[in-house]
Amino acid sequence: MEVLVLKTNVTSKQKAEQLRAVFDNHQSIEKWSVDIEDCDKVLRIEAQNGFGIKEAVALMQLQGFYGNELED
């Protein structure tokens, strides 16, 4: 299991809903959430091994968003 944490530009629940169609239907993604209250608008993804930051960012870009890995 991979846990990915990204800084994003997802600023509202409505915008987070735009990601739902992509993330909910992706076979490698088990769970995901966006904390729009956090200053970094943190996206947290729990995914199967082999699904990484590059894949997450590519899916976000399909919906017009950006994401960068958030370091510890």
N, C-alpha and C. Protein backbone atom coordinates (compact mmCIF):
# COMPACT_ATOMS: atom_id res chain seq x y z
N MET A 1 0.85 -1.18 0.00
CA MET A 1 0.00 0.00 0.00
C MET A 1 0.89 1.24 0.00
N GLU A 2 0.61 2.16 -0.87
CA GLU A 2 1.30 3.45 -0.95
C GLU A 2 0.40 4.51 -0.32
N VAL A 3 0.99 5.43 0.42
CA VAL A 3 0.27 6.59 0.92
C VAL A 3 0.96 7.81 0.33
N LEU A 4 0.21 8.54 -0.49
CA LEU A 4 0.74 9.72 -1.17
C LEU A 4 0.13 10.96 -0.54
N VAL A 5 0.94 11.99 -0.34
CA VAL A 5 0.47 13.24 0.23
C VAL A 5 0.95 14.36 -0.69
N LEU A 6 -0.01 15.14 -1.21
CA LEU A 6 0.31 16.19 -2.16
C LEU A 6 -0.27 17.53 -1.75
N LYS A 7 0.46 18.57 -2.06
CA LYS A 7 -0.03 19.95 -1.96
C LYS A 7 -0.77 20.22 -3.27
N THR A 8 -1.97 20.81 -3.18
CA THR A 8 -2.78 21.01 -4.39
C THR A 8 -3.34 22.42 -4.48
N ASN A 9 -4.06 22.66 -5.56
CA ASN A 9 -4.81 23.91 -5.72
C ASN A 9 -6.32 23.65 -5.71
N VAL A 10 -6.74 22.60 -5.01
CA VAL A 10 -8.16 22.26 -4.86
C VAL A 10 -8.69 23.07 -3.69
N THR A 11 -9.50 24.09 -3.97
CA THR A 11 -9.86 25.08 -2.96
C THR A 11 -11.28 24.97 -2.41
N SER A 12 -12.08 24.05 -2.94
CA SER A 12 -13.46 23.95 -2.47
C SER A 12 -13.97 22.52 -2.61
N LYS A 13 -15.09 22.25 -1.93
CA LYS A 13 -15.71 20.93 -2.04
C LYS A 13 -16.15 20.66 -3.47
N GLN A 14 -16.64 21.70 -4.13
CA GLN A 14 -17.08 21.54 -5.52
C GLN A 14 -15.92 21.13 -6.42
N LYS A 15 -14.76 21.74 -6.19
CA LYS A 15 -13.59 21.37 -6.99
C LYS A 15 -13.12 19.96 -6.65
N ALA A 16 -13.19 19.59 -5.39
CA ALA A 16 -12.82 18.23 -4.99
C ALA A 16 -13.74 17.21 -5.67
N GLU A 17 -15.00 17.57 -5.85
CA GLU A 17 -15.94 16.67 -6.52
C GLU A 17 -15.52 16.39 -7.95
N GLN A 18 -14.83 17.33 -8.59
CA GLN A 18 -14.35 17.11 -9.95
C GLN A 18 -13.33 15.97 -10.00
N LEU A 19 -12.63 15.75 -8.92
CA LEU A 19 -11.65 14.66 -8.86
C LEU A 19 -12.32 13.31 -8.62
N ARG A 20 -13.51 13.33 -8.07
CA ARG A 20 -14.19 12.09 -7.70
C ARG A 20 -14.33 11.13 -8.88
N ALA A 21 -14.74 11.63 -10.03
CA ALA A 21 -14.94 10.76 -11.19
C ALA A 21 -13.65 10.05 -11.59
N VAL A 22 -12.54 10.73 -11.45
CA VAL A 22 -11.25 10.14 -11.83
C VAL A 22 -10.74 9.21 -10.74
N PHE A 23 -10.72 9.67 -9.50
CA PHE A 23 -10.12 8.89 -8.42
C PHE A 23 -11.00 7.72 -7.98
N ASP A 24 -12.31 7.91 -7.90
CA ASP A 24 -13.19 6.83 -7.45
C ASP A 24 -13.20 5.65 -8.43
N ASN A 25 -12.94 5.92 -9.69
CA ASN A 25 -13.00 4.87 -10.70
C ASN A 25 -11.64 4.29 -11.07
N HIS A 26 -10.58 4.74 -10.41
CA HIS A 26 -9.25 4.23 -10.71
C HIS A 26 -9.01 2.96 -9.91
N GLN A 27 -8.63 1.90 -10.59
CA GLN A 27 -8.49 0.59 -9.93
C GLN A 27 -7.40 0.54 -8.88
N SER A 28 -6.39 1.40 -8.95
CA SER A 28 -5.28 1.36 -7.99
C SER A 28 -5.54 2.18 -6.73
N ILE A 29 -6.53 3.08 -6.77
CA ILE A 29 -6.78 3.97 -5.63
C ILE A 29 -7.81 3.34 -4.70
N GLU A 30 -7.40 3.14 -3.44
CA GLU A 30 -8.28 2.56 -2.43
C GLU A 30 -9.12 3.63 -1.74
N LYS A 31 -8.46 4.71 -1.28
CA LYS A 31 -9.13 5.82 -0.58
C LYS A 31 -8.41 7.11 -0.94
N TRP A 32 -9.16 8.21 -0.89
CA TRP A 32 -8.54 9.51 -1.10
C TRP A 32 -9.37 10.57 -0.39
N SER A 33 -8.71 11.68 -0.06
CA SER A 33 -9.42 12.81 0.56
C SER A 33 -8.62 14.08 0.31
N VAL A 34 -9.34 15.21 0.34
CA VAL A 34 -8.71 16.52 0.21
C VAL A 34 -9.09 17.34 1.42
N ASP A 35 -8.10 17.93 2.07
CA ASP A 35 -8.34 18.81 3.21
C ASP A 35 -8.28 20.25 2.70
N ILE A 36 -9.45 20.80 2.36
CA ILE A 36 -9.48 22.15 1.79
C ILE A 36 -9.29 23.23 2.86
N GLU A 37 -9.35 22.84 4.13
CA GLU A 37 -9.12 23.79 5.22
C GLU A 37 -7.63 24.01 5.47
N ASP A 38 -6.80 23.06 5.10
CA ASP A 38 -5.36 23.17 5.28
C ASP A 38 -4.79 24.19 4.30
N CYS A 39 -3.78 24.93 4.70
CA CYS A 39 -3.19 25.95 3.83
C CYS A 39 -2.59 25.35 2.56
N ASP A 40 -2.21 24.07 2.60
CA ASP A 40 -1.64 23.40 1.43
C ASP A 40 -2.68 22.62 0.63
N LYS A 41 -3.95 22.68 1.05
CA LYS A 41 -5.03 21.95 0.36
C LYS A 41 -4.60 20.51 0.09
N VAL A 42 -4.28 19.80 1.16
CA VAL A 42 -3.63 18.50 1.09
C VAL A 42 -4.54 17.40 0.53
N LEU A 43 -4.02 16.72 -0.47
CA LEU A 43 -4.65 15.54 -1.04
C LEU A 43 -3.90 14.33 -0.49
N ARG A 44 -4.65 13.39 0.08
CA ARG A 44 -4.06 12.16 0.62
C ARG A 44 -4.67 11.00 -0.14
N ILE A 45 -3.81 10.16 -0.70
CA ILE A 45 -4.26 9.01 -1.48
C ILE A 45 -3.66 7.74 -0.91
N GLU A 46 -4.50 6.75 -0.67
CA GLU A 46 -4.05 5.41 -0.32
C GLU A 46 -4.26 4.56 -1.57
N ALA A 47 -3.15 4.01 -2.10
CA ALA A 47 -3.22 3.30 -3.36
C ALA A 47 -2.38 2.03 -3.32
N GLN A 48 -2.63 1.18 -4.28
CA GLN A 48 -1.86 -0.05 -4.40
C GLN A 48 -0.43 0.30 -4.79
N ASN A 49 0.50 -0.60 -4.43
CA ASN A 49 1.90 -0.41 -4.81
C ASN A 49 2.01 -0.24 -6.32
N GLY A 50 2.88 0.65 -6.74
CA GLY A 50 3.06 0.92 -8.15
C GLY A 50 2.36 2.19 -8.61
N PHE A 51 1.42 2.69 -7.82
CA PHE A 51 0.76 3.96 -8.12
C PHE A 51 1.49 5.03 -7.33
N GLY A 52 2.07 6.00 -8.05
CA GLY A 52 2.89 6.98 -7.37
C GLY A 52 2.48 8.42 -7.64
N ILE A 53 3.35 9.32 -7.22
CA ILE A 53 3.10 10.76 -7.36
C ILE A 53 2.86 11.14 -8.81
N LYS A 54 3.67 10.62 -9.73
CA LYS A 54 3.52 10.98 -11.15
C LYS A 54 2.13 10.62 -11.66
N GLU A 55 1.64 9.46 -11.28
CA GLU A 55 0.31 9.03 -11.72
C GLU A 55 -0.77 9.91 -11.11
N ALA A 56 -0.62 10.25 -9.83
CA ALA A 56 -1.60 11.10 -9.15
C ALA A 56 -1.65 12.48 -9.79
N VAL A 57 -0.49 13.06 -10.06
CA VAL A 57 -0.42 14.39 -10.68
C VAL A 57 -1.04 14.36 -12.07
N ALA A 58 -0.77 13.31 -12.83
CA ALA A 58 -1.33 13.20 -14.18
C ALA A 58 -2.86 13.15 -14.13
N LEU A 59 -3.42 12.40 -13.18
CA LEU A 59 -4.88 12.34 -13.05
C LEU A 59 -5.45 13.70 -12.66
N MET A 60 -4.75 14.41 -11.77
CA MET A 60 -5.21 15.74 -11.37
C MET A 60 -5.19 16.70 -12.55
N GLN A 61 -4.15 16.62 -13.35
CA GLN A 61 -4.03 17.52 -14.49
C GLN A 61 -5.15 17.31 -15.50
N LEU A 62 -5.64 16.09 -15.60
CA LEU A 62 -6.78 15.82 -16.48
C LEU A 62 -8.00 16.65 -16.10
N GLN A 63 -8.11 16.99 -14.82
CA GLN A 63 -9.23 17.78 -14.32
C GLN A 63 -8.87 19.25 -14.13
N GLY A 64 -7.66 19.65 -14.55
CA GLY A 64 -7.27 21.06 -14.47
C GLY A 64 -6.64 21.49 -13.16
N PHE A 65 -6.17 20.54 -12.37
CA PHE A 65 -5.55 20.85 -11.08
C PHE A 65 -4.07 20.52 -11.12
N TYR A 66 -3.34 21.06 -10.15
CA TYR A 66 -1.94 20.68 -10.00
C TYR A 66 -1.73 20.09 -8.63
N GLY A 67 -0.66 19.32 -8.52
CA GLY A 67 -0.27 18.75 -7.23
C GLY A 67 1.22 18.55 -7.19
N ASN A 68 1.79 18.74 -6.03
CA ASN A 68 3.21 18.51 -5.79
C ASN A 68 3.34 17.68 -4.53
N GLU A 69 4.32 16.77 -4.52
CA GLU A 69 4.54 15.95 -3.34
C GLU A 69 4.84 16.84 -2.14
N LEU A 70 4.18 16.56 -1.05
CA LEU A 70 4.40 17.30 0.19
C LEU A 70 5.38 16.50 1.03
N GLU A 71 6.53 17.08 1.28
CA GLU A 71 7.58 16.41 2.05
C GLU A 71 7.24 16.45 3.53
N ASP A 72 7.77 15.47 4.28
CA ASP A 72 7.56 15.41 5.73
C ASP A 72 8.09 16.62 6.43
